[in-house]
N, C-alpha and C. Protein backbone atom coordinates (compact mmCIF):
# COMPACT_ATOMS: atom_id res chain seq x y z
N MET A 1 23.53 -25.77 -0.90
CA MET A 1 23.09 -24.03 -0.70
C MET A 1 22.86 -24.33 1.22
N LYS A 2 23.27 -23.54 2.23
CA LYS A 2 22.99 -23.42 3.55
C LYS A 2 21.65 -22.98 3.64
N PRO A 3 21.31 -23.29 4.81
CA PRO A 3 19.83 -23.26 5.01
C PRO A 3 19.71 -21.17 4.66
N TRP A 4 20.50 -20.96 5.60
CA TRP A 4 20.49 -19.41 5.80
C TRP A 4 20.34 -18.60 4.72
N SER A 5 21.09 -19.40 3.57
CA SER A 5 21.66 -18.14 2.65
C SER A 5 19.95 -18.66 1.62
N LEU A 6 19.26 -20.04 1.50
CA LEU A 6 17.86 -20.05 1.22
C LEU A 6 16.90 -18.79 1.64
N LEU A 7 17.18 -18.56 3.23
CA LEU A 7 16.05 -17.98 3.62
C LEU A 7 16.65 -16.46 3.20
N LEU A 8 17.63 -15.68 3.05
CA LEU A 8 17.70 -15.00 2.57
C LEU A 8 17.54 -14.52 1.52
N LEU A 9 17.87 -15.37 0.28
CA LEU A 9 17.00 -15.37 -0.88
C LEU A 9 15.40 -15.27 -1.19
N SER A 10 14.83 -15.89 -0.30
CA SER A 10 13.46 -15.74 -0.22
C SER A 10 13.11 -14.31 0.67
N LEU A 11 14.21 -14.05 1.38
CA LEU A 11 13.99 -12.77 1.65
C LEU A 11 13.94 -11.40 0.85
N LEU A 12 14.68 -11.58 -0.18
CA LEU A 12 15.05 -11.00 -0.76
C LEU A 12 13.65 -10.90 -2.72
N PHE A 13 13.68 -11.83 -2.61
CA PHE A 13 12.48 -11.78 -3.45
C PHE A 13 11.18 -11.71 -3.31
N SER A 14 10.87 -12.15 -2.00
CA SER A 14 9.40 -11.68 -1.90
C SER A 14 9.39 -10.06 -1.68
N GLY A 15 10.36 -9.48 -1.49
CA GLY A 15 10.32 -8.46 -0.87
C GLY A 15 10.38 -7.56 -2.53
N ALA A 16 11.03 -7.88 -3.57
CA ALA A 16 11.17 -7.41 -4.86
C ALA A 16 9.90 -7.94 -5.57
N ALA A 17 8.80 -8.85 -5.42
CA ALA A 17 7.91 -9.44 -5.61
C ALA A 17 6.63 -8.69 -5.84
N GLN A 18 6.69 -7.78 -4.05
CA GLN A 18 5.56 -7.36 -4.09
C GLN A 18 4.94 -6.03 -4.75
N ALA A 19 3.95 -5.95 -4.92
CA ALA A 19 3.29 -4.67 -5.77
C ALA A 19 3.02 -3.22 -5.35
N LEU A 20 3.19 -2.76 -6.28
CA LEU A 20 3.36 -1.09 -5.33
C LEU A 20 2.13 -1.04 -4.96
N GLU A 21 2.06 -0.20 -3.55
CA GLU A 21 0.74 0.33 -3.02
C GLU A 21 0.88 2.12 -3.25
N PHE A 22 -0.40 2.00 -4.02
CA PHE A 22 -0.66 3.17 -4.38
C PHE A 22 -1.88 3.91 -3.68
N ARG A 23 -1.75 5.14 -3.27
CA ARG A 23 -2.96 5.90 -2.21
C ARG A 23 -3.44 7.00 -3.49
N SER A 24 -4.10 8.12 -2.69
CA SER A 24 -4.36 9.38 -3.23
C SER A 24 -4.52 10.29 -2.07
N VAL A 25 -3.67 11.45 -1.48
CA VAL A 25 -4.34 12.09 -0.62
C VAL A 25 -5.91 12.77 -0.35
N GLY A 26 -6.63 13.02 0.24
CA GLY A 26 -8.08 12.61 0.08
C GLY A 26 -8.65 13.98 0.59
N ALA A 27 -10.14 14.31 0.98
CA ALA A 27 -10.92 15.20 0.33
C ALA A 27 -10.06 16.86 0.59
N THR A 28 -8.78 16.84 1.51
CA THR A 28 -8.15 17.91 1.82
C THR A 28 -7.18 17.84 1.87
N PRO A 29 -6.26 19.27 1.25
CA PRO A 29 -4.61 19.23 0.76
C PRO A 29 -4.33 18.72 2.81
N VAL A 30 -2.74 18.65 2.76
CA VAL A 30 -2.17 17.74 3.51
C VAL A 30 -0.94 18.44 3.51
N ILE A 31 -0.23 18.40 5.13
CA ILE A 31 1.68 18.82 4.98
C ILE A 31 1.60 17.23 5.09
N MET A 32 3.43 17.50 3.90
CA MET A 32 3.92 16.25 4.03
C MET A 32 5.19 16.91 4.91
N TYR A 33 5.78 16.04 5.26
CA TYR A 33 6.85 15.99 6.37
C TYR A 33 8.16 15.61 6.27
N ASP A 34 9.10 16.04 6.88
CA ASP A 34 10.72 15.07 6.10
C ASP A 34 10.54 14.15 7.42
N ALA A 35 10.12 13.76 7.95
CA ALA A 35 9.72 12.43 9.27
C ALA A 35 8.46 12.29 9.52
N PRO A 36 8.48 11.19 10.51
CA PRO A 36 7.08 10.80 10.52
C PRO A 36 6.43 11.49 12.23
N SER A 37 6.26 13.04 11.98
CA SER A 37 5.59 13.53 13.22
C SER A 37 5.67 14.75 12.90
N ALA A 38 4.56 15.51 13.39
CA ALA A 38 3.91 16.44 12.95
C ALA A 38 5.09 17.90 13.72
N LYS A 39 5.72 17.27 14.23
CA LYS A 39 7.45 17.75 14.87
C LYS A 39 8.05 18.17 13.63
N GLY A 40 8.14 17.17 12.88
CA GLY A 40 9.24 17.24 12.25
C GLY A 40 8.79 18.43 11.16
N GLY A 41 9.89 18.66 10.15
CA GLY A 41 9.65 19.66 8.74
C GLY A 41 9.24 19.86 8.21
N LYS A 42 8.40 20.47 7.62
CA LYS A 42 7.03 21.02 6.26
C LYS A 42 7.63 21.14 5.65
N LEU A 43 7.85 20.14 4.56
CA LEU A 43 8.34 20.34 3.04
C LEU A 43 6.96 21.09 2.19
N TYR A 44 6.29 20.87 2.09
CA TYR A 44 4.97 21.30 1.21
C TYR A 44 3.93 20.78 1.40
N VAL A 45 2.95 21.28 1.16
CA VAL A 45 1.39 21.02 1.20
C VAL A 45 1.05 20.07 -0.16
N ALA A 46 0.31 19.12 -0.25
CA ALA A 46 0.37 18.41 -0.84
C ALA A 46 -1.01 18.22 -1.53
N PRO A 47 -1.84 18.47 -2.80
CA PRO A 47 -3.28 19.16 -2.42
C PRO A 47 -3.95 17.57 -2.69
N ARG A 48 -5.55 17.92 -2.83
CA ARG A 48 -6.28 17.08 -2.78
C ARG A 48 -6.30 16.34 -3.98
N GLY A 49 -6.31 14.56 -3.94
CA GLY A 49 -6.66 14.03 -4.93
C GLY A 49 -5.09 13.17 -5.46
N MET A 50 -4.01 14.04 -4.48
CA MET A 50 -2.64 13.53 -5.57
C MET A 50 -2.43 12.31 -5.22
N PRO A 51 -2.18 11.94 -6.21
CA PRO A 51 -1.52 10.02 -5.90
C PRO A 51 0.03 10.36 -5.08
N VAL A 52 0.26 9.42 -4.47
CA VAL A 52 1.27 8.87 -3.91
C VAL A 52 1.45 7.07 -3.72
N GLU A 53 3.11 7.27 -4.02
CA GLU A 53 3.30 5.58 -3.42
C GLU A 53 3.72 5.41 -2.54
N VAL A 54 3.06 4.13 -1.22
CA VAL A 54 3.61 4.12 -0.14
C VAL A 54 4.07 3.15 -0.36
N VAL A 55 5.45 3.80 0.33
CA VAL A 55 7.25 2.72 0.45
C VAL A 55 6.92 2.42 2.00
N PHE A 56 6.42 3.11 3.09
CA PHE A 56 6.61 2.07 4.18
C PHE A 56 5.38 2.64 5.48
N THR A 57 4.76 1.60 5.97
CA THR A 57 3.78 2.56 6.81
C THR A 57 5.04 2.37 8.52
N SER A 58 4.48 2.99 9.25
CA SER A 58 4.80 3.39 10.07
C SER A 58 3.95 3.98 11.69
N GLY A 59 3.23 2.86 12.46
CA GLY A 59 2.72 3.55 12.89
C GLY A 59 1.06 4.25 12.46
N ALA A 60 1.14 4.68 12.67
CA ALA A 60 -0.07 6.27 11.93
C ALA A 60 0.29 7.10 10.89
N TRP A 61 1.95 6.69 10.26
CA TRP A 61 2.59 7.66 9.23
C TRP A 61 2.88 6.74 8.05
N SER A 62 2.58 7.11 6.96
CA SER A 62 2.86 6.42 5.94
C SER A 62 4.29 7.10 5.05
N LYS A 63 5.36 6.50 4.91
CA LYS A 63 6.38 7.05 4.17
C LYS A 63 6.15 7.25 2.54
N VAL A 64 6.09 7.98 1.44
CA VAL A 64 5.04 8.05 0.24
C VAL A 64 6.66 8.52 -1.11
N ARG A 65 6.12 8.53 -1.93
CA ARG A 65 6.78 9.08 -2.98
C ARG A 65 5.95 9.95 -3.98
N ASP A 66 6.70 10.72 -3.93
CA ASP A 66 5.16 11.37 -4.96
C ASP A 66 5.88 10.83 -7.15
N MET A 67 5.15 11.63 -7.11
CA MET A 67 5.17 11.72 -8.79
C MET A 67 6.82 12.21 -9.51
N SER A 68 7.56 13.19 -8.53
CA SER A 68 9.08 13.73 -8.66
C SER A 68 10.15 12.87 -8.71
N GLY A 69 9.67 11.89 -7.31
CA GLY A 69 10.71 11.00 -7.14
C GLY A 69 10.90 10.75 -5.64
N ASP A 70 10.27 12.13 -4.90
CA ASP A 70 10.67 12.86 -3.35
C ASP A 70 9.90 12.28 -2.62
N LEU A 71 10.32 11.57 -1.87
CA LEU A 71 10.30 10.92 -0.37
C LEU A 71 9.81 12.08 0.78
N SER A 72 8.39 11.52 1.60
CA SER A 72 8.04 12.35 2.50
C SER A 72 7.32 11.48 3.27
N TRP A 73 6.97 11.95 4.28
CA TRP A 73 5.66 11.01 5.65
C TRP A 73 4.84 12.17 5.20
N VAL A 74 3.36 11.48 5.32
CA VAL A 74 2.67 11.75 5.60
C VAL A 74 1.14 10.94 6.88
N GLU A 75 0.72 11.93 7.60
CA GLU A 75 -0.27 10.97 8.42
C GLU A 75 -1.01 9.99 7.78
N SER A 76 -0.96 8.63 7.96
CA SER A 76 -1.70 7.41 7.07
C SER A 76 -3.84 7.55 7.13
N LYS A 77 -3.94 8.34 7.54
CA LYS A 77 -5.29 8.55 7.76
C LYS A 77 -5.90 9.58 7.07
N ASP A 78 -4.78 10.72 6.58
CA ASP A 78 -5.23 11.05 5.43
C ASP A 78 -5.02 10.64 3.70
N LEU A 79 -4.74 9.70 4.18
CA LEU A 79 -4.94 8.49 2.16
C LEU A 79 -5.91 8.26 2.21
N ILE A 80 -6.33 7.94 0.97
CA ILE A 80 -7.55 7.35 0.56
C ILE A 80 -6.69 6.28 -0.46
N THR A 81 -8.17 4.70 -0.35
CA THR A 81 -7.65 3.89 -1.22
C THR A 81 -7.79 4.24 -2.82
N ARG A 82 -9.14 5.60 -3.03
CA ARG A 82 -9.86 5.63 -4.23
C ARG A 82 -8.30 6.39 -5.41
N ARG A 83 -8.34 5.62 -6.41
CA ARG A 83 -6.65 6.37 -7.33
C ARG A 83 -7.18 7.19 -8.01
N SER A 84 -6.08 7.66 -7.71
CA SER A 84 -5.95 9.36 -8.98
C SER A 84 -4.57 8.60 -9.84
N LEU A 85 -4.37 9.35 -10.76
CA LEU A 85 -3.65 9.55 -11.71
C LEU A 85 -3.17 10.79 -12.40
N VAL A 86 -2.11 11.13 -12.37
CA VAL A 86 -1.09 12.42 -12.88
C VAL A 86 -0.91 12.35 -14.36
N VAL A 87 -1.14 12.97 -15.41
CA VAL A 87 -0.85 13.03 -16.33
C VAL A 87 0.63 13.69 -16.70
N ARG A 88 1.32 12.57 -16.80
CA ARG A 88 2.90 13.07 -17.25
C ARG A 88 3.43 13.33 -18.84
N ALA A 89 2.20 13.23 -19.94
CA ALA A 89 2.93 13.35 -21.07
C ALA A 89 2.70 15.09 -21.18
N ALA A 90 3.29 15.41 -22.51
CA ALA A 90 3.00 16.60 -22.41
C ALA A 90 1.26 17.23 -23.05
N ASN A 91 0.80 15.81 -23.57
CA ASN A 91 -0.44 16.40 -24.25
C ASN A 91 -1.19 14.56 -24.12
N ALA A 92 -2.03 13.84 -23.13
CA ALA A 92 -2.22 12.56 -23.13
C ALA A 92 -3.98 12.77 -24.39
N LYS A 93 -3.90 11.15 -25.23
CA LYS A 93 -4.82 11.96 -25.56
C LYS A 93 -5.69 10.49 -24.97
N ILE A 94 -6.83 10.76 -24.31
CA ILE A 94 -7.71 9.91 -23.80
C ILE A 94 -8.98 9.47 -25.27
N ARG A 95 -8.93 8.10 -25.31
CA ARG A 95 -9.66 7.73 -26.19
C ARG A 95 -10.75 6.98 -26.09
N ALA A 96 -11.82 7.00 -26.19
CA ALA A 96 -13.27 5.89 -26.44
C ALA A 96 -13.28 4.74 -25.80
N SER A 97 -11.65 3.88 -26.20
CA SER A 97 -11.69 2.83 -26.01
C SER A 97 -10.12 2.23 -25.98
N ALA A 98 -9.82 1.30 -25.68
CA ALA A 98 -8.30 0.73 -25.06
C ALA A 98 -7.49 0.58 -26.88
N ASP A 99 -7.82 1.52 -27.66
CA ASP A 99 -7.45 1.57 -28.90
C ASP A 99 -7.04 2.87 -29.83
N ASP A 100 -5.55 2.88 -30.08
CA ASP A 100 -4.63 4.04 -30.61
C ASP A 100 -5.98 4.46 -31.98
N ALA A 101 -6.80 3.46 -32.51
CA ALA A 101 -7.12 3.87 -33.52
C ALA A 101 -9.09 4.29 -33.66
N ALA A 102 -9.25 4.21 -31.98
CA ALA A 102 -10.47 5.20 -31.18
C ALA A 102 -10.62 6.37 -31.05
N PRO A 103 -11.58 6.90 -31.63
CA PRO A 103 -12.19 8.41 -31.60
C PRO A 103 -11.59 8.81 -30.19
N LEU A 104 -11.13 10.48 -30.44
CA LEU A 104 -10.70 10.77 -29.12
C LEU A 104 -12.24 11.04 -28.66
N VAL A 105 -12.02 11.02 -27.13
CA VAL A 105 -12.99 11.29 -26.41
C VAL A 105 -12.60 12.68 -25.84
N PHE A 106 -11.34 12.94 -25.07
CA PHE A 106 -10.62 14.57 -24.69
C PHE A 106 -9.50 14.43 -24.72
N SER A 107 -8.31 15.49 -24.40
CA SER A 107 -6.89 15.19 -24.25
C SER A 107 -6.93 16.18 -23.17
N ALA A 108 -6.16 15.51 -22.29
CA ALA A 108 -5.29 16.46 -20.80
C ALA A 108 -3.81 17.00 -21.12
N ASP A 109 -3.61 17.76 -20.94
CA ASP A 109 -2.19 18.30 -20.40
C ASP A 109 -1.84 18.04 -19.20
N LYS A 110 -0.43 17.69 -19.35
CA LYS A 110 0.39 17.44 -18.42
C LYS A 110 0.38 17.62 -17.53
N ASN A 111 0.27 17.09 -15.73
CA ASN A 111 -0.01 17.13 -14.66
C ASN A 111 -1.54 17.66 -14.44
N VAL A 112 -2.99 17.10 -15.30
CA VAL A 112 -4.07 17.10 -14.79
C VAL A 112 -3.91 16.04 -14.48
N LEU A 113 -5.37 16.24 -13.24
CA LEU A 113 -5.44 14.70 -12.21
C LEU A 113 -6.37 14.24 -13.25
N LEU A 114 -6.55 12.99 -12.79
CA LEU A 114 -7.82 12.00 -13.82
C LEU A 114 -7.92 10.85 -12.00
N GLU A 115 -8.75 10.31 -12.77
CA GLU A 115 -9.56 9.48 -11.19
C GLU A 115 -9.19 7.99 -12.29
N MET A 116 -8.77 6.62 -12.04
CA MET A 116 -8.63 5.70 -12.33
C MET A 116 -10.09 5.26 -11.99
N ALA A 117 -10.60 5.09 -13.30
CA ALA A 117 -12.24 4.70 -13.31
C ALA A 117 -12.15 2.66 -13.17
N GLU A 118 -11.00 1.93 -13.71
CA GLU A 118 -10.97 0.31 -13.80
C GLU A 118 -9.40 0.17 -13.84
N PRO A 119 -8.86 -0.72 -13.72
CA PRO A 119 -7.82 -1.14 -13.37
C PRO A 119 -7.12 -1.15 -15.00
N ALA A 120 -6.07 -1.25 -14.83
CA ALA A 120 -5.04 -1.17 -16.41
C ALA A 120 -4.98 -2.69 -16.70
N VAL A 121 -5.59 -2.66 -17.97
CA VAL A 121 -5.17 -3.80 -18.71
C VAL A 121 -4.86 -3.80 -19.94
N ALA A 122 -3.86 -4.74 -20.10
CA ALA A 122 -2.58 -4.56 -21.64
C ALA A 122 -2.47 -3.38 -22.00
N GLY A 123 -1.62 -2.35 -21.31
CA GLY A 123 -1.39 -1.30 -21.82
C GLY A 123 -2.12 0.20 -21.37
N TRP A 124 -3.49 0.02 -21.32
CA TRP A 124 -4.38 1.12 -21.32
C TRP A 124 -4.76 0.89 -19.71
N VAL A 125 -5.34 2.22 -19.56
CA VAL A 125 -6.09 2.40 -17.90
C VAL A 125 -7.12 3.14 -18.49
N LYS A 126 -8.51 2.86 -17.88
CA LYS A 126 -9.64 3.72 -18.09
C LYS A 126 -9.41 4.85 -17.04
N VAL A 127 -10.08 6.24 -17.69
CA VAL A 127 -9.74 7.12 -16.59
C VAL A 127 -11.07 7.85 -16.78
N LYS A 128 -11.32 8.70 -15.72
CA LYS A 128 -12.33 9.72 -15.64
C LYS A 128 -11.87 11.02 -15.40
N HIS A 129 -12.13 12.28 -15.82
CA HIS A 129 -11.74 13.50 -15.56
C HIS A 129 -12.87 13.86 -14.91
N ARG A 130 -12.30 15.18 -14.20
CA ARG A 130 -13.73 16.06 -12.77
C ARG A 130 -14.98 15.84 -13.13
N ASP A 131 -14.41 16.78 -14.91
CA ASP A 131 -15.94 16.95 -15.94
C ASP A 131 -16.77 15.83 -15.98
N GLY A 132 -16.76 14.98 -15.61
CA GLY A 132 -17.51 13.21 -15.60
C GLY A 132 -17.00 12.79 -17.33
N GLN A 133 -15.78 13.09 -18.02
CA GLN A 133 -15.50 12.55 -19.30
C GLN A 133 -14.90 10.99 -18.61
N LEU A 134 -15.12 10.19 -19.22
CA LEU A 134 -14.24 8.68 -19.08
C LEU A 134 -14.15 8.23 -20.17
N GLY A 135 -12.84 7.51 -21.03
CA GLY A 135 -11.90 7.54 -21.38
C GLY A 135 -10.67 6.69 -20.98
N TYR A 136 -9.84 6.02 -22.25
CA TYR A 136 -8.80 5.21 -22.03
C TYR A 136 -7.43 6.06 -22.61
N VAL A 137 -6.54 5.66 -21.43
CA VAL A 137 -5.27 6.45 -21.67
C VAL A 137 -3.97 5.09 -21.31
N LYS A 138 -2.93 5.66 -22.09
CA LYS A 138 -1.84 4.44 -21.79
C LYS A 138 -1.38 4.56 -21.28
N VAL A 139 -0.98 3.70 -20.51
CA VAL A 139 -0.92 3.76 -18.88
C VAL A 139 0.90 4.46 -18.77
N ASN A 140 1.90 4.51 -20.20
CA ASN A 140 3.30 5.34 -20.11
C ASN A 140 2.69 6.86 -20.06
N GLU A 141 1.92 7.39 -20.11
CA GLU A 141 1.39 8.61 -20.49
C GLU A 141 0.71 9.23 -18.90
N VAL A 142 0.81 8.52 -17.84
CA VAL A 142 -0.30 8.62 -16.55
C VAL A 142 0.78 8.06 -15.69
N TRP A 143 1.00 8.57 -14.51
CA TRP A 143 1.59 7.73 -13.34
C TRP A 143 1.10 7.86 -12.09
N GLY A 144 1.44 6.60 -11.20
CA GLY A 144 0.08 6.73 -10.54
C GLY A 144 -0.13 5.22 -10.40
N LEU A 145 0.18 4.33 -11.04
CA LEU A 145 -0.33 2.74 -11.41
C LEU A 145 0.74 2.26 -10.75
């Protein structure tokens, strides 16, 4: 194998192995743009706490993907590291422990915003509702991980 082909393969695999980077919109709603500039076209206003996947960062701007898969640009300073998740199931069951047989703590309808309380483990993630209730939800019922 040629040395340049090894370099190309290592670049391809190193990019594929990178973990997804998620952030949340900070304390106030922010404008999402079609370009990395306040002079760009305004696409929509993202609500406080909305999770986004950071695809690319360029200077003071981040290109992000939302739950719908749409791409837009936002000022990086408007994103925080505290993780939020959005319920994508019609009615997610939040349980007392990471077990289908565990008691139900509460249920959350589609598009409800939850705070990630602990990292996901074995297909479950611990979440917190804005009213303070804590529990575990299956990772396939939320978006933002």
